[in-house]
Amino acid sequence: MLTKEELFSFIEKEKQAIFQRGETFFHCAELGFKEVGTAKKITDLLDEWGVSFQKEVGVTGVIATIGRGDGYHIAFVADIDALPRKDGMGNIHSCGHSIQTTMALSVLKALKDSEIMEQTDCRASFFFTPGEEYIDFKYRDELIAAGKLEFRSGKQNMIALGCFDGVDCVLSAHANGDEGTKFDVGSTLAGFMAKKAVFIGRAAHSGAAPHLGRNTLHGASLAMNAISFLKDQFAPEKGLRLNPVLTECGGSVNVIPDRTVLETYVRANDNETLFEACKRVDSCLEHCAKALELECFITNTTGYLPLKQSEKLNKTVRENMLLFCGPEEIVENPVSGASGDVGDLSFLIPTIQFGFSGIKGRFHDDSFEVSDYENCYLTSAKIMLGTIYDLLKEKGARAYPKEYKQRKKDYLCMLRRKD
């Protein structure tokens, strides 16, 4: 088998091509389940490299596998969707998913060109997953109504389709905003539930007879205050995040509003806190409505589960980071209030997602851009490649799913539950 350093050389040989691919994908920014151009660029490269693949998985997803062994099965997961620009001028990869896509292709090509997979009984599958950003609900719900999707997230649909059945571990990486460091390992992501509360009251003339109405805007405002006080009832390390917004206010200046819609995500670092917080938010909504003689109808949509990383796999990741930096340049176990559907995979399969720096500007903002091409595109790809190398060579480094079938059954029951 090749040495790890020899395997890394396949990344160096492709340096300029990798940088160019990174720019190409950064400027091909498409919203979830609309990533037609991105998927075409991916499959064109796979065709050129002679790699077999499935396309249009969950509308726009792509899965490529190399290696024919029936031993250990490694999955590399990369998101491919983007976000709308704040200035309204199209879309932008302001969460760095184009970097993930570029990294996945770089690692895949290095494994393919080196022929290292042919020397093992292992497989590596590369999942280019659509629709990670939890947005654009109207469009996604139309796809669900048409039977083209079951859920709003790319990975959730791939899980339901059985794409991850037989996978032993999941590897991923994501840009982070840490300045002065190179990488992070062992981070958390919050899970979340999406809530929509519709307050129903009674309209009336706001000047002549406001007392005859039942003002739904008052009920929603009262509930927002109650929810803001609720935050103090959970310890900071629980990661509770509640930021409700009014998406429909109803009425006009001379009419008491009889319909107001409040929406929020409930985020938390663990499932127990998430479910408890959801119950208490419902209590705030229902009792504030009742206090003002309003009706309140609550709809819950399961979002993403918290990310709980595999300590065993992260040990290997950290060892590979130390080939390129000192321990002081690695952030250990950071806690994030952000969410991602990689958390759903971590519920089922041993999963890691390490972070890499090299970004300037703000995430989810038009100012986002790559500033350190070397760290984002080359060094991070080598860390991922080194981790895969160790998993191929060292059986003791491998982690395996436990009770996958039962956990998947429980997971899908939760997603399919109708409130």
Protein backbone atom coordinates (compact mmCIF):
# COMPACT_ATOMS: atom_id res chain seq x y z
CA MET A 1 0.00 0.00 0.00
CA LEU A 2 1.12 3.56 -0.67
CA THR A 3 2.39 5.63 2.22
CA LYS A 4 0.20 8.44 3.49
CA GLU A 5 2.66 11.02 2.15
CA GLU A 6 2.49 9.44 -1.31
CA LEU A 7 -1.29 9.62 -1.15
CA PHE A 8 -1.11 13.31 -0.21
CA SER A 9 0.98 13.95 -3.33
CA PHE A 10 -2.09 13.27 -5.46
CA ILE A 11 -3.68 16.37 -3.91
CA GLU A 12 -0.58 18.48 -4.57
CA LYS A 13 -0.48 17.36 -8.22
CA GLU A 14 -4.01 18.70 -8.64
CA LYS A 15 -3.42 21.98 -6.79
CA GLN A 16 -4.31 24.44 -9.55
CA ALA A 17 -7.18 22.30 -10.83
CA ILE A 18 -8.58 22.11 -7.30
CA PHE A 19 -8.41 25.87 -6.88
CA GLN A 20 -10.18 26.31 -10.22
CA ARG A 21 -12.88 23.81 -9.28
CA GLY A 22 -13.37 25.66 -6.01
CA GLU A 23 -13.98 28.92 -7.86
CA THR A 24 -16.28 27.21 -10.37
CA PHE A 25 -18.49 25.71 -7.68
CA PHE A 26 -18.47 28.89 -5.58
CA HIS A 27 -19.91 30.79 -8.54
CA CYS A 28 -22.50 28.07 -9.24
CA ALA A 29 -24.77 28.87 -6.31
CA GLU A 30 -28.20 27.23 -6.39
CA LEU A 31 -30.90 26.77 -3.75
CA GLY A 32 -31.84 23.39 -2.31
CA PHE A 33 -33.33 20.85 -4.73
CA LYS A 34 -32.61 23.29 -7.57
CA GLU A 35 -28.89 22.40 -7.82
CA VAL A 36 -29.20 21.19 -11.40
CA GLY A 37 -26.11 23.03 -12.66
CA THR A 38 -24.03 21.95 -9.68
CA ALA A 39 -25.05 18.30 -10.10
CA LYS A 40 -24.21 18.48 -13.83
CA LYS A 41 -20.72 19.80 -13.08
CA ILE A 42 -20.18 16.99 -10.57
CA THR A 43 -21.39 14.23 -12.90
CA ASP A 44 -19.39 15.63 -15.85
CA LEU A 45 -16.22 15.29 -13.75
CA LEU A 46 -17.16 11.80 -12.59
CA ASP A 47 -17.74 10.78 -16.21
CA GLU A 48 -14.36 12.25 -17.18
CA TRP A 49 -12.64 10.32 -14.36
CA GLY A 50 -14.44 7.05 -15.11
CA VAL A 51 -16.28 6.89 -11.79
CA SER A 52 -19.73 5.31 -11.71
CA PHE A 53 -22.52 7.24 -9.98
CA GLN A 54 -26.22 7.61 -9.32
CA LYS A 55 -27.79 10.94 -10.16
CA GLU A 56 -31.08 12.67 -9.38
CA VAL A 57 -31.18 10.99 -5.97
CA GLY A 58 -33.76 12.92 -3.96
CA VAL A 59 -34.23 15.24 -6.99
CA THR A 60 -30.67 16.60 -7.40
CA GLY A 61 -28.38 14.45 -5.24
CA VAL A 62 -25.43 12.47 -6.59
CA ILE A 63 -23.77 9.36 -5.09
CA ALA A 64 -20.46 8.00 -6.38
CA THR A 65 -18.73 4.88 -5.06
CA ILE A 66 -15.18 3.62 -5.55
CA GLY A 67 -13.87 0.26 -4.39
CA ARG A 68 -15.68 -3.04 -4.83
CA GLY A 69 -14.99 -4.63 -1.47
CA ASP A 70 -17.69 -5.77 0.89
CA GLY A 71 -15.70 -4.80 3.98
CA TYR A 72 -15.70 -1.43 5.73
CA HIS A 73 -17.91 1.15 3.98
CA ILE A 74 -16.89 4.81 4.41
CA ALA A 75 -19.23 7.67 3.43
CA PHE A 76 -18.00 11.18 2.67
CA VAL A 77 -20.89 13.66 2.79
CA ALA A 78 -20.78 17.06 1.07
CA ASP A 79 -23.61 19.59 0.83
CA ILE A 80 -24.18 21.25 -2.53
CA ASP A 81 -26.85 23.93 -1.93
CA ALA A 82 -26.47 27.68 -1.44
CA LEU A 83 -28.43 30.58 0.08
CA PRO A 84 -30.18 33.65 -1.37
CA ARG A 85 -28.07 36.81 -1.43
CA LYS A 86 -29.18 39.49 1.02
CA ASP A 87 -29.12 42.09 -1.76
CA GLY A 88 -31.61 40.05 -3.79
CA MET A 89 -29.14 39.56 -6.63
CA GLY A 90 -29.24 35.78 -6.99
CA ASN A 91 -27.62 33.24 -4.66
CA ILE A 92 -24.29 32.81 -2.88
CA HIS A 93 -22.39 29.96 -1.22
CA SER A 94 -22.32 31.89 2.05
CA CYS A 95 -22.13 28.72 4.17
CA GLY A 96 -19.18 27.24 2.31
CA HIS A 97 -20.89 24.26 0.74
CA SER A 98 -18.96 24.78 -2.49
CA ILE A 99 -15.78 24.08 -0.49
CA GLN A 100 -17.23 20.79 0.77
CA THR A 101 -18.12 19.80 -2.80
CA THR A 102 -14.62 20.65 -4.01
CA MET A 103 -13.03 18.73 -1.13
CA ALA A 104 -15.13 15.63 -1.81
CA LEU A 105 -14.13 15.62 -5.47
CA SER A 106 -10.45 16.14 -4.59
CA VAL A 107 -10.44 13.23 -2.14
CA LEU A 108 -12.38 11.01 -4.54
CA LYS A 109 -9.95 11.70 -7.40
CA ALA A 110 -6.90 11.07 -5.19
CA LEU A 111 -8.33 7.70 -4.11
CA LYS A 112 -9.22 6.84 -7.71
CA ASP A 113 -5.88 7.87 -9.25
CA SER A 114 -3.82 6.17 -6.54
CA GLU A 115 -5.79 2.90 -6.96
CA ILE A 116 -5.49 2.46 -3.20
CA MET A 117 -9.08 1.22 -2.87
CA GLU A 118 -8.25 -1.75 -5.08
CA GLN A 119 -5.73 -2.89 -2.46
CA THR A 120 -8.40 -3.17 0.27
CA ASP A 121 -11.74 -4.84 0.87
CA CYS A 122 -13.29 -1.42 1.57
CA ARG A 123 -15.53 1.00 -0.28
CA ALA A 124 -15.81 4.78 -0.17
CA SER A 125 -19.06 6.44 -1.22
CA PHE A 126 -19.32 10.17 -1.85
CA PHE A 127 -22.72 11.69 -1.16
CA PHE A 128 -23.34 15.09 -2.76
CA THR A 129 -26.45 16.02 -0.82
CA PRO A 130 -28.99 18.72 -1.75
CA GLY A 131 -31.15 20.94 0.41
CA GLU A 132 -29.21 21.16 3.69
CA GLU A 133 -30.23 24.77 4.33
CA TYR A 134 -33.69 24.71 5.89
CA ILE A 135 -35.33 27.35 3.69
CA ASP A 136 -37.64 27.82 0.70
CA PHE A 137 -40.45 25.82 2.31
CA LYS A 138 -43.10 26.62 -0.32
CA TYR A 139 -41.02 25.08 -3.10
CA ARG A 140 -40.01 22.05 -1.02
CA ASP A 141 -43.56 21.42 0.13
CA GLU A 142 -44.67 21.49 -3.51
CA LEU A 143 -42.10 18.78 -4.26
CA ILE A 144 -43.41 16.77 -1.32
CA ALA A 145 -47.01 17.19 -2.51
CA ALA A 146 -45.93 16.00 -5.97
CA GLY A 147 -44.33 12.88 -4.48
CA LYS A 148 -40.80 13.86 -5.50
CA LEU A 149 -39.64 14.24 -1.89
CA GLU A 150 -40.83 13.00 1.47
CA PHE A 151 -38.98 15.48 3.69
CA ARG A 152 -37.56 18.99 3.40
CA SER A 153 -33.90 17.98 3.81
CA GLY A 154 -31.59 16.18 1.40
CA LYS A 155 -30.03 13.80 3.91
CA GLN A 156 -33.41 13.00 5.47
CA ASN A 157 -34.68 11.90 2.06
CA MET A 158 -31.54 9.88 1.35
CA ILE A 159 -31.90 8.11 4.70
CA ALA A 160 -35.54 7.28 3.91
CA LEU A 161 -34.55 6.03 0.44
CA GLY A 162 -32.05 3.61 2.03
CA CYS A 163 -28.98 5.31 0.56
CA PHE A 164 -27.07 5.03 3.85
CA ASP A 165 -28.02 1.41 4.55
CA GLY A 166 -24.78 -0.56 4.82
CA VAL A 167 -22.62 2.51 5.52
CA ASP A 168 -20.31 2.04 8.52
CA CYS A 169 -19.18 5.63 9.16
CA VAL A 170 -19.79 9.15 7.89
CA LEU A 171 -17.05 11.74 7.36
CA SER A 172 -17.68 15.42 6.67
CA ALA A 173 -16.09 18.83 7.11
CA HIS A 174 -17.41 22.38 7.30
CA ALA A 175 -15.88 25.84 7.17
CA ASN A 176 -15.75 27.67 10.50
CA GLY A 177 -15.25 31.30 11.46
CA ASP A 178 -12.41 30.88 13.96
CA GLU A 179 -9.57 33.33 13.37
CA GLY A 180 -6.09 32.48 14.64
CA THR A 181 -6.72 28.73 14.49
CA LYS A 182 -6.63 26.19 11.68
CA PHE A 183 -9.19 23.54 12.60
CA ASP A 184 -11.75 22.39 15.12
CA VAL A 185 -12.60 18.86 16.18
CA GLY A 186 -15.48 17.39 18.18
CA SER A 187 -17.90 20.28 17.68
CA THR A 188 -21.61 20.06 18.43
CA LEU A 189 -24.55 21.27 16.40
CA ALA A 190 -27.93 21.98 17.89
CA GLY A 191 -31.05 20.08 16.95
CA PHE A 192 -34.21 22.02 16.19
CA MET A 193 -37.95 21.80 15.78
CA ALA A 194 -39.79 24.26 13.53
CA LYS A 195 -43.00 25.62 15.09
CA LYS A 196 -45.82 27.59 13.52
CA ALA A 197 -48.50 29.05 15.80
CA VAL A 198 -51.64 30.55 14.25
CA PHE A 199 -53.60 32.82 16.58
CA ILE A 200 -57.27 33.20 15.70
CA GLY A 201 -59.38 35.99 17.20
CA ARG A 202 -62.21 38.29 16.19
CA ALA A 203 -62.07 41.31 13.94
CA ALA A 204 -63.67 44.62 14.94
CA HIS A 205 -63.48 48.32 14.13
CA SER A 206 -60.37 49.56 15.94
CA GLY A 207 -61.83 53.04 16.50
CA ALA A 208 -65.57 52.53 17.01
CA ALA A 209 -65.63 49.22 18.90
CA PRO A 210 -62.20 47.68 19.62
CA HIS A 211 -63.67 46.00 22.73
CA LEU A 212 -65.76 43.77 20.50
CA GLY A 213 -62.63 42.29 18.89
CA ARG A 214 -60.09 39.79 20.10
CA ASN A 215 -56.66 41.04 19.01
CA THR A 216 -54.41 38.21 17.80
CA LEU A 217 -51.39 40.50 17.53
CA HIS A 218 -51.67 41.09 21.29
CA GLY A 219 -51.73 37.33 21.89
CA ALA A 220 -48.68 36.72 19.72
CA SER A 221 -46.79 39.61 21.36
CA LEU A 222 -47.62 38.27 24.82
CA ALA A 223 -46.38 34.82 23.77
CA MET A 224 -43.12 36.28 22.43
CA ASN A 225 -42.49 37.88 25.83
CA ALA A 226 -43.24 34.62 27.63
CA ILE A 227 -40.88 32.73 25.32
CA SER A 228 -38.10 35.27 25.94
CA PHE A 229 -38.42 34.67 29.71
CA LEU A 230 -38.36 30.91 29.10
CA LYS A 231 -34.75 31.07 27.89
CA ASP A 232 -33.49 31.69 31.43
CA GLN A 233 -34.94 28.39 32.63
CA PHE A 234 -32.32 26.31 30.80
CA ALA A 235 -28.60 26.13 31.61
CA PRO A 236 -26.31 27.81 29.02
CA GLU A 237 -24.61 24.52 28.09
CA LYS A 238 -27.98 23.16 26.93
CA GLY A 239 -27.68 25.48 23.96
CA LEU A 240 -31.30 26.59 23.91
CA ARG A 241 -32.02 29.12 21.15
CA LEU A 242 -35.44 30.72 20.72
CA ASN A 243 -35.95 33.65 18.36
CA PRO A 244 -39.61 33.83 17.29
CA VAL A 245 -40.77 36.10 14.48
CA LEU A 246 -44.19 37.26 13.30
CA THR A 247 -44.64 36.08 9.73
CA GLU A 248 -48.25 37.29 9.36
CA CYS A 249 -49.68 40.18 11.36
CA GLY A 250 -53.11 40.49 9.76
CA GLY A 251 -55.58 43.35 9.67
CA SER A 252 -55.12 47.01 8.78
CA VAL A 253 -54.82 50.18 10.84
CA ASN A 254 -58.58 50.45 11.41
CA VAL A 255 -59.32 46.75 11.98
CA ILE A 256 -58.48 44.63 15.02
CA PRO A 257 -56.39 41.74 13.60
CA ASP A 258 -58.14 38.38 13.80
CA ARG A 259 -55.27 36.23 12.49
CA THR A 260 -51.58 36.40 13.40
CA VAL A 261 -48.87 33.83 12.69
CA LEU A 262 -45.80 33.37 14.88
CA GLU A 263 -42.98 31.04 13.78
CA THR A 264 -39.81 29.93 15.52
CA TYR A 265 -37.13 27.29 15.62
CA VAL A 266 -36.52 25.64 18.98
CA ARG A 267 -32.83 24.70 19.06
CA ALA A 268 -30.97 22.68 21.70
CA ASN A 269 -27.77 20.67 22.05
CA ASP A 270 -29.46 17.40 23.04
CA ASN A 271 -32.75 15.68 22.34
CA GLU A 272 -33.93 15.73 25.95
CA THR A 273 -33.58 19.52 26.17
CA LEU A 274 -35.11 19.96 22.72
CA PHE A 275 -38.26 18.01 23.57
CA GLU A 276 -38.65 19.68 26.98
CA ALA A 277 -38.22 23.15 25.47
CA CYS A 278 -40.79 22.36 22.75
CA LYS A 279 -43.32 21.37 25.42
CA ARG A 280 -42.74 24.62 27.33
CA VAL A 281 -42.96 26.78 24.20
CA ASP A 282 -46.32 25.18 23.41
CA SER A 283 -47.43 26.01 26.94
CA CYS A 284 -46.46 29.67 26.44
CA LEU A 285 -48.34 29.86 23.16
CA GLU A 286 -51.48 28.10 24.36
CA HIS A 287 -51.82 29.91 27.70
CA CYS A 288 -51.09 33.38 26.32
CA ALA A 289 -53.80 32.80 23.72
CA LYS A 290 -56.21 31.55 26.37
CA ALA A 291 -55.53 34.57 28.59
CA LEU A 292 -56.88 36.85 25.85
CA GLU A 293 -59.69 34.53 24.73
CA LEU A 294 -57.96 33.57 21.50
CA GLU A 295 -57.55 30.23 19.76
CA CYS A 296 -54.06 28.98 18.97
CA PHE A 297 -53.24 26.20 16.51
CA ILE A 298 -49.66 24.87 16.63
CA THR A 299 -47.95 22.92 13.84
CA ASN A 300 -44.64 21.19 14.51
CA THR A 301 -42.21 20.17 11.78
CA THR A 302 -39.25 18.07 12.84
CA GLY A 303 -36.06 19.83 11.78
CA TYR A 304 -32.61 18.37 12.42
CA LEU A 305 -31.25 16.31 15.30
CA PRO A 306 -28.24 17.44 17.37
CA LEU A 307 -24.82 16.44 16.04
CA LYS A 308 -23.07 14.00 18.36
CA GLN A 309 -19.69 13.10 16.96
CA SER A 310 -17.83 9.80 17.19
CA GLU A 311 -14.95 10.21 19.65
CA LYS A 312 -13.15 7.23 18.13
CA LEU A 313 -13.21 8.67 14.61
CA ASN A 314 -12.30 12.15 15.85
CA LYS A 315 -9.18 10.75 17.51
CA THR A 316 -7.99 9.73 14.04
CA VAL A 317 -9.01 13.08 12.56
CA ARG A 318 -7.05 14.97 15.23
CA GLU A 319 -3.95 12.86 14.61
CA ASN A 320 -4.10 13.83 10.94
CA MET A 321 -4.58 17.52 11.80
CA LEU A 322 -1.36 17.41 13.84
CA LEU A 323 0.54 16.50 10.67
CA PHE A 324 -0.16 20.05 9.46
CA CYS A 325 -0.41 22.23 12.57
CA GLY A 326 0.35 22.46 16.27
CA PRO A 327 -2.18 21.49 18.97
CA GLU A 328 -2.66 25.18 19.84
CA GLU A 329 -4.15 25.70 16.36
CA ILE A 330 -6.91 23.15 16.95
CA VAL A 331 -10.08 24.15 18.79
CA GLU A 332 -11.36 21.24 20.87
CA ASN A 333 -15.09 20.47 21.27
CA PRO A 334 -16.62 23.86 20.36
CA VAL A 335 -20.35 24.31 20.99
CA SER A 336 -22.42 25.81 18.19
CA GLY A 337 -26.03 26.99 18.10
CA ALA A 338 -26.18 26.22 14.38
CA SER A 339 -27.91 23.11 13.01
CA GLY A 340 -27.38 20.72 10.14
CA ASP A 341 -28.89 17.50 8.85
CA VAL A 342 -25.54 15.79 9.43
CA GLY A 343 -26.91 15.53 12.98
CA ASP A 344 -29.56 13.12 11.71
CA LEU A 345 -26.82 10.87 10.32
CA SER A 346 -25.00 10.96 13.66
CA PHE A 347 -28.10 9.50 15.32
CA LEU A 348 -27.80 6.44 13.06
CA ILE A 349 -24.13 6.02 12.12
CA PRO A 350 -20.76 7.00 13.71
CA THR A 351 -20.20 10.47 12.24
CA ILE A 352 -17.65 13.27 12.36
CA GLN A 353 -17.61 16.80 10.99
CA PHE A 354 -14.39 18.72 11.52
CA GLY A 355 -14.08 22.44 10.98
CA PHE A 356 -11.50 24.35 8.97
CA SER A 357 -10.69 28.07 8.87
CA GLY A 358 -9.81 30.21 5.88
CA ILE A 359 -12.94 32.34 5.51
CA LYS A 360 -13.42 36.08 5.76
CA GLY A 361 -16.73 37.86 6.03
CA ARG A 362 -19.79 36.49 7.80
CA PHE A 363 -21.57 33.19 7.32
CA HIS A 364 -25.01 33.45 5.67
CA ASP A 365 -24.06 36.94 4.46
CA ASP A 366 -23.04 38.42 1.11
CA SER A 367 -19.60 39.24 2.58
CA PHE A 368 -18.62 35.54 2.76
CA GLU A 369 -15.56 34.55 0.74
CA VAL A 370 -12.61 32.16 0.79
CA SER A 371 -9.42 33.86 2.02
CA ASP A 372 -7.01 30.96 2.62
CA TYR A 373 -7.17 28.67 -0.40
CA GLU A 374 -4.40 26.45 0.91
CA ASN A 375 -6.17 25.60 4.16
CA CYS A 376 -9.68 25.33 2.74
CA TYR A 377 -8.95 23.36 -0.39
CA LEU A 378 -5.66 21.50 0.11
CA THR A 379 -4.79 20.95 3.77
CA SER A 380 -8.36 20.08 4.76
CA ALA A 381 -8.59 17.61 1.87
CA LYS A 382 -5.34 15.98 3.02
CA ILE A 383 -6.70 15.63 6.57
CA MET A 384 -9.78 13.90 5.21
CA LEU A 385 -7.66 11.74 2.91
CA GLY A 386 -5.34 10.83 5.80
CA THR A 387 -8.32 9.86 7.95
CA ILE A 388 -9.64 7.58 5.20
CA TYR A 389 -6.15 6.09 4.78
CA ASP A 390 -6.03 5.21 8.48
CA LEU A 391 -9.49 3.65 8.35
CA LEU A 392 -8.44 1.53 5.39
CA LYS A 393 -5.21 0.40 7.03
CA GLU A 394 -6.03 0.20 10.75
CA LYS A 395 -9.06 -1.92 11.63
CA GLY A 396 -8.76 -0.77 15.24
CA ALA A 397 -9.54 2.82 14.16
CA ARG A 398 -12.91 1.87 12.71
CA ALA A 399 -16.27 2.65 14.31
CA TYR A 400 -19.45 0.79 13.43
CA PRO A 401 -23.19 1.55 13.72
CA LYS A 402 -25.15 -0.02 16.57
CA GLU A 403 -28.76 -1.14 16.16
CA TYR A 404 -28.97 0.69 12.83
CA LYS A 405 -32.23 -0.90 11.65
CA GLN A 406 -34.11 -0.15 14.87
CA ARG A 407 -32.70 3.37 15.15
CA LYS A 408 -33.64 4.09 11.54
CA LYS A 409 -37.15 2.78 12.18
CA ASP A 410 -37.53 5.00 15.26
CA TYR A 411 -36.07 7.97 13.36
CA LEU A 412 -38.46 7.68 10.42
CA CYS A 413 -41.42 7.24 12.78
CA MET A 414 -40.43 10.54 14.42
CA LEU A 415 -40.13 12.35 11.08
CA ARG A 416 -43.42 10.98 9.81
CA ARG A 417 -45.34 11.82 12.94
CA LYS A 418 -48.16 14.28 12.30
CA ASP A 419 -49.08 16.69 15.10
